[in-house]
Amino acid sequence: MKTTLLSMAVLFLSFGMKAQTVSTFESLSLEASSFWDGADLAGSFTDGNATFNNVLSYGYWTSGFAYSNMKDSTSAGWANQYSARTGVGCNNSVNYALGQSGAQIKLNGMSKGKVVNGFYVTNTTYAALSMKDGDEIAKKFGGVSGNDADYFMLTVKGWFNGDLLNDSVNFYLADYRFENNSQDYILKSWEWVDLTSLGNIDSLKFVLSSSDNSEEFMNTPGYFAIDNFTASNSGAGINGLSSVSLSVFPNPVCDALTLNLHNAGNALLTIYDADGRTVLTENKSSISKTVDVSVLPVGLYFISLRGDEWNTTTTFVKQ
């Protein structure tokens, strides 16, 4: 799928549109079953139009991002902090990135100041097994009875021109707050996080929170994994109409996809599948509209919206 994503970016450009750039981490060099954690003191790494910060203290990765191709999805403990719970990257790719609470991303090039579409996220093996079984520091989620209302949440905050935005995006990596315990979960698959609601941004910060804390310290291991970070090169950006915004939900979607298009006037909506084929074309106005996608096959799709003097793209996943 990663090759397809890159091909789609080229496809949008060939249509005369400014498209998006996907940080797949596949171009980052790694030996098999290895990771980069900042030991070279580089302080960051760049992939696509995004720079991912890295903090190394006393020889250990203590904050920011690392990247990895480790496949150990079964070994518990800190020694396995560089593995995703899935054992592979999104869509069975090789590389993926790992983040700790407080990690930051800065947008570069055509993506700076534009709307970020989103990214795929999952738990690390270390965090997931700690929540599942407990360890010497952290509790087993749900407690002995299974009824404890535990949670592990990732919050994504955006900045633009040095100002923290009022809106943020929350995503639960684990949630045991349901009345029916059969609905409790610890994420162990790659899931899409939509960031379009943040609007124009030039940097992001990722913060983790948990129900399991000791005073001001979080007991749950503060790690997460991301892949296919998708930054837009078009739409409501510093070089376009800053008042235009687009969001889609739910994402992933089964039947009806709702589009919120604001301050854009009339726009031509086109949906492309992962092979670049047009599957739907409609005219939309600046109000919430619902699109029936129930007949579409399961997979990743690209939405293009084009007005008289602007254009923007985003993605959604059909379940």
Protein backbone atom coordinates (compact mmCIF):
# COMPACT_ATOMS: atom_id res chain seq x y z
CA MET A 1 0.00 0.00 0.00
CA LYS A 2 2.90 2.39 0.67
CA THR A 3 3.99 2.27 -2.96
CA THR A 4 0.38 2.97 -3.91
CA LEU A 5 0.24 5.99 -1.62
CA LEU A 6 3.33 7.48 -3.21
CA SER A 7 1.97 6.72 -6.65
CA MET A 8 -1.27 8.49 -5.76
CA ALA A 9 0.65 11.61 -4.75
CA VAL A 10 2.23 11.63 -8.20
CA LEU A 11 -1.20 11.04 -9.74
CA PHE A 12 -2.71 14.10 -8.06
CA LEU A 13 0.16 16.22 -9.31
CA SER A 14 -0.38 14.93 -12.82
CA PHE A 15 -3.97 16.20 -12.60
CA GLY A 16 -2.60 19.69 -12.05
CA MET A 17 -3.41 19.69 -8.33
CA LYS A 18 -1.14 20.22 -5.38
CA ALA A 19 -1.50 16.93 -3.52
CA GLN A 20 -0.08 15.48 -0.36
CA THR A 21 3.15 14.00 0.93
CA VAL A 22 3.19 10.77 2.91
CA SER A 23 5.94 10.00 5.42
CA THR A 24 6.18 6.23 5.04
CA PHE A 25 9.63 5.90 6.72
CA GLU A 26 10.57 3.35 4.04
CA SER A 27 13.38 5.56 2.71
CA LEU A 28 15.08 5.60 6.12
CA SER A 29 17.95 3.12 6.08
CA LEU A 30 17.85 0.31 8.64
CA GLU A 31 19.38 -3.12 8.88
CA ALA A 32 16.93 -5.97 9.40
CA SER A 33 15.49 -6.25 12.92
CA SER A 34 16.96 -2.93 14.04
CA PHE A 35 16.01 0.61 15.02
CA TRP A 36 17.31 4.19 15.09
CA ASP A 37 16.94 5.90 18.44
CA GLY A 38 19.13 8.99 18.02
CA ALA A 39 22.37 7.43 19.18
CA ASP A 40 24.18 9.43 16.48
CA LEU A 41 23.00 12.64 18.25
CA ALA A 42 21.31 13.92 15.09
CA GLY A 43 18.45 15.28 17.20
CA SER A 44 15.82 14.59 14.53
CA PHE A 45 15.07 12.84 11.25
CA THR A 46 13.10 13.97 8.19
CA ASP A 47 10.84 11.95 5.94
CA GLY A 48 8.49 13.48 3.40
CA ASN A 49 7.62 17.04 4.38
CA ALA A 50 7.92 16.38 8.13
CA THR A 51 10.78 16.53 10.64
CA PHE A 52 10.46 14.30 13.69
CA ASN A 53 12.31 15.40 16.82
CA ASN A 54 14.45 13.07 18.92
CA VAL A 55 15.85 13.50 22.42
CA LEU A 56 18.70 11.34 23.74
CA SER A 57 19.71 11.70 27.39
CA TYR A 58 22.61 9.83 28.99
CA GLY A 59 22.71 7.50 26.02
CA TYR A 60 19.00 6.61 26.13
CA TRP A 61 16.07 7.65 23.94
CA THR A 62 13.96 9.68 26.35
CA SER A 63 11.59 11.73 24.18
CA GLY A 64 10.55 12.50 20.62
CA PHE A 65 10.57 9.91 17.84
CA ALA A 66 12.58 6.89 16.80
CA TYR A 67 12.05 4.57 13.83
CA SER A 68 12.20 0.81 13.60
CA ASN A 69 11.56 -2.40 11.71
CA MET A 70 11.46 -4.63 14.79
CA LYS A 71 8.90 -7.43 14.62
CA ASP A 72 8.63 -8.64 18.23
CA SER A 73 4.94 -8.46 19.12
CA THR A 74 5.08 -10.90 22.05
CA SER A 75 7.94 -9.98 24.43
CA ALA A 76 6.92 -7.81 27.37
CA GLY A 77 9.04 -5.16 29.07
CA TRP A 78 11.20 -2.12 28.42
CA ALA A 79 13.82 -4.15 26.55
CA ASN A 80 11.27 -4.43 23.73
CA GLN A 81 10.40 -0.73 23.55
CA TYR A 82 11.16 -0.47 19.80
CA SER A 83 8.48 -2.88 18.51
CA ALA A 84 4.95 -2.16 17.35
CA ARG A 85 2.21 -4.44 18.68
CA THR A 86 1.33 -5.33 15.07
CA GLY A 87 4.85 -6.66 14.42
CA VAL A 88 4.92 -4.80 11.08
CA GLY A 89 4.26 -1.36 9.66
CA CYS A 90 0.90 -0.24 8.29
CA ASN A 91 -0.33 -2.49 5.46
CA ASN A 92 2.53 -4.92 6.19
CA SER A 93 5.24 -2.40 5.34
CA VAL A 94 8.72 -2.69 6.85
CA ASN A 95 9.49 0.56 8.67
CA TYR A 96 7.42 2.61 11.09
CA ALA A 97 8.05 5.34 13.66
CA LEU A 98 7.77 5.23 17.44
CA GLY A 99 6.91 8.17 19.67
CA GLN A 100 7.04 9.01 23.35
CA SER A 101 4.83 11.50 25.15
CA GLY A 102 5.88 15.03 24.22
CA ALA A 103 7.10 14.09 20.73
CA GLN A 104 6.92 16.83 18.10
CA ILE A 105 6.66 17.09 14.32
CA LYS A 106 7.52 20.18 12.28
CA LEU A 107 6.15 20.56 8.76
CA ASN A 108 8.46 21.56 5.92
CA GLY A 109 8.26 22.69 2.31
CA MET A 110 4.85 22.83 0.65
CA SER A 111 3.19 21.27 3.72
CA LYS A 112 4.18 24.00 6.18
CA GLY A 113 1.11 25.91 7.32
CA LYS A 114 -1.32 23.56 5.59
CA VAL A 115 -3.90 21.06 6.82
CA VAL A 116 -2.49 17.70 7.93
CA ASN A 117 -4.70 14.84 6.82
CA GLY A 118 -3.65 12.41 9.56
CA PHE A 119 -1.66 9.26 10.27
CA TYR A 120 -2.02 5.62 11.26
CA VAL A 121 -1.37 4.68 14.89
CA THR A 122 -1.06 1.57 17.03
CA ASN A 123 0.35 0.59 20.40
CA THR A 124 3.89 -0.52 20.97
CA THR A 125 4.36 -4.06 22.25
CA TYR A 126 5.80 -2.68 25.50
CA ALA A 127 2.77 -0.51 26.27
CA ALA A 128 0.16 -3.00 25.05
CA LEU A 129 1.40 -5.94 27.10
CA SER A 130 1.90 -3.75 30.15
CA MET A 131 -1.77 -2.73 29.98
CA LYS A 132 -2.90 -6.28 29.24
CA ASP A 133 -1.02 -8.05 32.05
CA GLY A 134 0.43 -5.35 34.30
CA ASP A 135 4.10 -5.18 35.29
CA GLU A 136 6.32 -4.09 38.17
CA ILE A 137 5.18 -0.45 37.75
CA ALA A 138 1.88 -0.39 35.86
CA LYS A 139 -1.44 -2.04 36.66
CA LYS A 140 -3.38 -4.52 34.59
CA PHE A 141 -6.12 -2.56 32.84
CA GLY A 142 -9.55 -3.33 34.21
CA GLY A 143 -8.08 -4.45 37.53
CA VAL A 144 -8.79 -7.78 39.18
CA SER A 145 -12.53 -7.50 38.54
CA GLY A 146 -12.15 -6.21 35.00
CA ASN A 147 -14.44 -3.31 35.88
CA ASP A 148 -11.86 -0.55 36.45
CA ALA A 149 -12.53 2.30 34.00
CA ASP A 150 -8.98 2.50 32.63
CA TYR A 151 -7.85 4.29 29.48
CA PHE A 152 -4.70 5.19 27.53
CA MET A 153 -5.16 8.23 25.29
CA LEU A 154 -3.08 10.03 22.66
CA THR A 155 -3.77 13.76 22.30
CA VAL A 156 -2.48 15.62 19.24
CA LYS A 157 -2.07 19.40 19.55
CA GLY A 158 -1.36 21.81 16.71
CA TRP A 159 0.60 25.06 16.45
CA PHE A 160 0.49 27.76 13.78
CA ASN A 161 2.91 30.70 13.71
CA GLY A 162 3.91 30.02 17.30
CA ASP A 163 0.36 29.94 18.65
CA LEU A 164 -1.19 26.85 20.24
CA LEU A 165 -4.54 26.10 18.58
CA ASN A 166 -7.66 25.76 20.68
CA ASP A 167 -8.65 22.46 19.10
CA SER A 168 -6.90 19.13 19.66
CA VAL A 169 -7.56 15.54 18.57
CA ASN A 170 -7.92 12.68 21.06
CA PHE A 171 -7.51 9.01 20.19
CA TYR A 172 -7.85 6.13 22.65
CA LEU A 173 -5.10 3.53 22.37
CA ALA A 174 -6.91 1.54 25.07
CA ASP A 175 -10.35 2.03 26.58
CA TYR A 176 -11.89 0.06 29.46
CA ARG A 177 -14.61 2.57 30.33
CA PHE A 178 -17.49 0.64 28.73
CA GLU A 179 -20.31 -0.73 30.88
CA ASN A 180 -20.07 -3.94 28.87
CA ASN A 181 -16.57 -5.33 29.48
CA SER A 182 -16.67 -7.19 26.18
CA GLN A 183 -16.23 -3.80 24.48
CA ASP A 184 -13.01 -2.99 26.33
CA TYR A 185 -9.96 -2.97 24.08
CA ILE A 186 -6.22 -2.42 23.82
CA LEU A 187 -5.41 -1.39 20.25
CA LYS A 188 -3.33 -3.94 18.34
CA SER A 189 -4.02 -2.89 14.75
CA TRP A 190 -3.17 0.16 12.66
CA GLU A 191 -5.98 2.72 12.81
CA TRP A 192 -6.37 6.10 11.06
CA VAL A 193 -6.31 9.34 13.09
CA ASP A 194 -7.91 12.26 11.22
CA LEU A 195 -6.22 15.62 11.94
CA THR A 196 -8.08 17.78 9.41
CA SER A 197 -10.12 19.40 12.18
CA LEU A 198 -6.96 21.18 13.41
CA GLY A 199 -6.90 23.35 10.29
CA ASN A 200 -3.71 25.14 9.22
CA ILE A 201 -0.68 24.08 11.26
CA ASP A 202 3.10 24.16 11.05
CA SER A 203 3.89 21.81 13.95
CA LEU A 204 2.33 19.14 16.12
CA LYS A 205 2.84 17.81 19.64
CA PHE A 206 1.80 14.35 20.84
CA VAL A 207 0.85 13.86 24.50
CA LEU A 208 -0.10 10.60 26.22
CA SER A 209 -2.33 10.28 29.27
CA SER A 210 -3.53 7.29 31.29
CA SER A 211 -5.88 6.41 34.12
CA ASP A 212 -2.92 4.68 35.84
CA ASN A 213 -0.77 7.31 37.55
CA SER A 214 1.37 7.75 40.65
CA GLU A 215 1.11 11.39 41.69
CA GLU A 216 2.29 13.35 38.63
CA PHE A 217 3.87 10.34 36.87
CA MET A 218 2.12 8.04 34.40
CA ASN A 219 2.63 4.35 35.16
CA THR A 220 1.54 3.11 31.74
CA PRO A 221 4.58 3.04 29.39
CA GLY A 222 4.39 6.30 27.43
CA TYR A 223 4.92 4.97 23.91
CA PHE A 224 2.96 4.81 20.64
CA ALA A 225 3.72 3.85 17.02
CA ILE A 226 2.78 5.76 13.85
CA ASP A 227 2.99 5.20 10.10
CA ASN A 228 1.94 6.92 6.86
CA PHE A 229 1.93 10.44 8.30
CA THR A 230 0.06 12.34 5.56
CA ALA A 231 0.66 16.08 5.12
CA SER A 232 -1.31 18.11 2.60
CA ASN A 233 0.43 20.33 0.06
CA SER A 234 -2.78 22.11 -0.86
CA GLY A 235 -6.05 23.50 0.38
CA ALA A 236 -6.37 25.90 3.27
CA GLY A 237 -2.77 26.91 3.62
CA ILE A 238 -0.52 29.93 3.91
CA ASN A 239 -0.53 30.20 0.12
CA GLY A 240 -4.27 29.57 -0.30
CA LEU A 241 -7.62 30.55 1.16
CA SER A 242 -6.95 30.28 4.91
CA SER A 243 -10.68 30.24 5.67
CA VAL A 244 -11.37 27.08 3.65
CA SER A 245 -11.51 23.89 5.72
CA LEU A 246 -12.54 20.31 5.10
CA SER A 247 -13.12 17.43 7.50
CA VAL A 248 -14.59 13.97 6.95
CA PHE A 249 -16.07 11.52 9.44
CA PRO A 250 -16.35 8.81 10.48
CA ASN A 251 -12.95 7.61 9.33
CA PRO A 252 -12.77 4.64 8.79
CA VAL A 253 -16.30 4.52 7.38
CA CYS A 254 -18.72 1.73 6.48
CA ASP A 255 -21.72 3.35 4.78
CA ALA A 256 -22.16 7.15 4.91
CA LEU A 257 -19.24 9.57 4.85
CA THR A 258 -20.00 13.09 6.06
CA LEU A 259 -18.04 16.02 4.61
CA ASN A 260 -17.87 19.35 6.40
CA LEU A 261 -16.76 21.95 3.85
CA HIS A 262 -16.68 25.50 5.18
CA ASN A 263 -16.26 28.87 3.46
CA ALA A 264 -15.47 27.40 0.10
CA GLY A 265 -18.52 28.15 -2.05
CA ASN A 266 -19.27 25.52 -4.65
CA ALA A 267 -16.68 22.80 -5.14
CA LEU A 268 -16.20 19.76 -7.34
CA LEU A 269 -15.73 16.60 -5.29
CA THR A 270 -13.90 13.66 -6.82
CA ILE A 271 -13.09 10.37 -5.10
CA TYR A 272 -10.24 8.20 -6.41
CA ASP A 273 -9.42 4.65 -5.39
CA ALA A 274 -5.90 3.49 -4.55
CA ASP A 275 -5.23 2.73 -8.23
CA GLY A 276 -6.12 6.26 -9.33
CA ARG A 277 -9.50 5.43 -10.81
CA THR A 278 -12.35 7.93 -10.38
CA VAL A 279 -15.16 6.27 -8.42
CA LEU A 280 -17.37 9.30 -7.71
CA THR A 281 -17.79 12.91 -8.86
CA GLU A 282 -20.26 15.39 -7.35
CA ASN A 283 -20.73 19.12 -6.78
CA LYS A 284 -20.72 20.21 -3.13
CA SER A 285 -21.56 23.44 -1.33
CA SER A 286 -20.21 24.92 1.92
CA ILE A 287 -22.38 22.86 4.25
CA SER A 288 -22.24 19.39 5.73
CA LYS A 289 -22.95 16.79 3.05
CA THR A 290 -23.22 13.01 3.22
CA VAL A 291 -21.76 10.74 0.56
CA ASP A 292 -22.93 7.13 0.20
CA VAL A 293 -19.79 4.97 0.05
CA SER A 294 -21.46 1.68 1.00
CA VAL A 295 -20.93 0.21 -2.46
CA LEU A 296 -17.19 0.94 -2.51
CA PRO A 297 -14.79 -1.96 -1.92
CA VAL A 298 -12.76 -1.99 1.28
CA GLY A 299 -9.60 0.12 1.02
CA LEU A 300 -7.99 3.55 1.05
CA TYR A 301 -9.55 6.39 -0.99
CA PHE A 302 -8.51 9.94 -1.87
CA ILE A 303 -10.91 12.88 -1.91
CA SER A 304 -10.17 15.89 -4.09
CA LEU A 305 -12.16 19.11 -3.65
CA ARG A 306 -11.58 21.89 -6.16
CA GLY A 307 -12.98 25.40 -6.26
CA ASP A 308 -12.35 28.27 -8.63
CA GLU A 309 -9.11 29.39 -6.92
CA TRP A 310 -8.23 26.60 -4.51
CA ASN A 311 -8.01 22.84 -4.12
CA THR A 312 -7.51 20.40 -1.27
CA THR A 313 -7.22 16.66 -0.77
CA THR A 314 -7.70 14.20 2.06
CA THR A 315 -8.13 10.48 2.54
CA PHE A 316 -10.57 8.06 4.10
CA VAL A 317 -10.62 4.34 4.71
CA LYS A 318 -13.62 2.23 3.66
CA GLN A 319 -14.18 -0.71 6.01
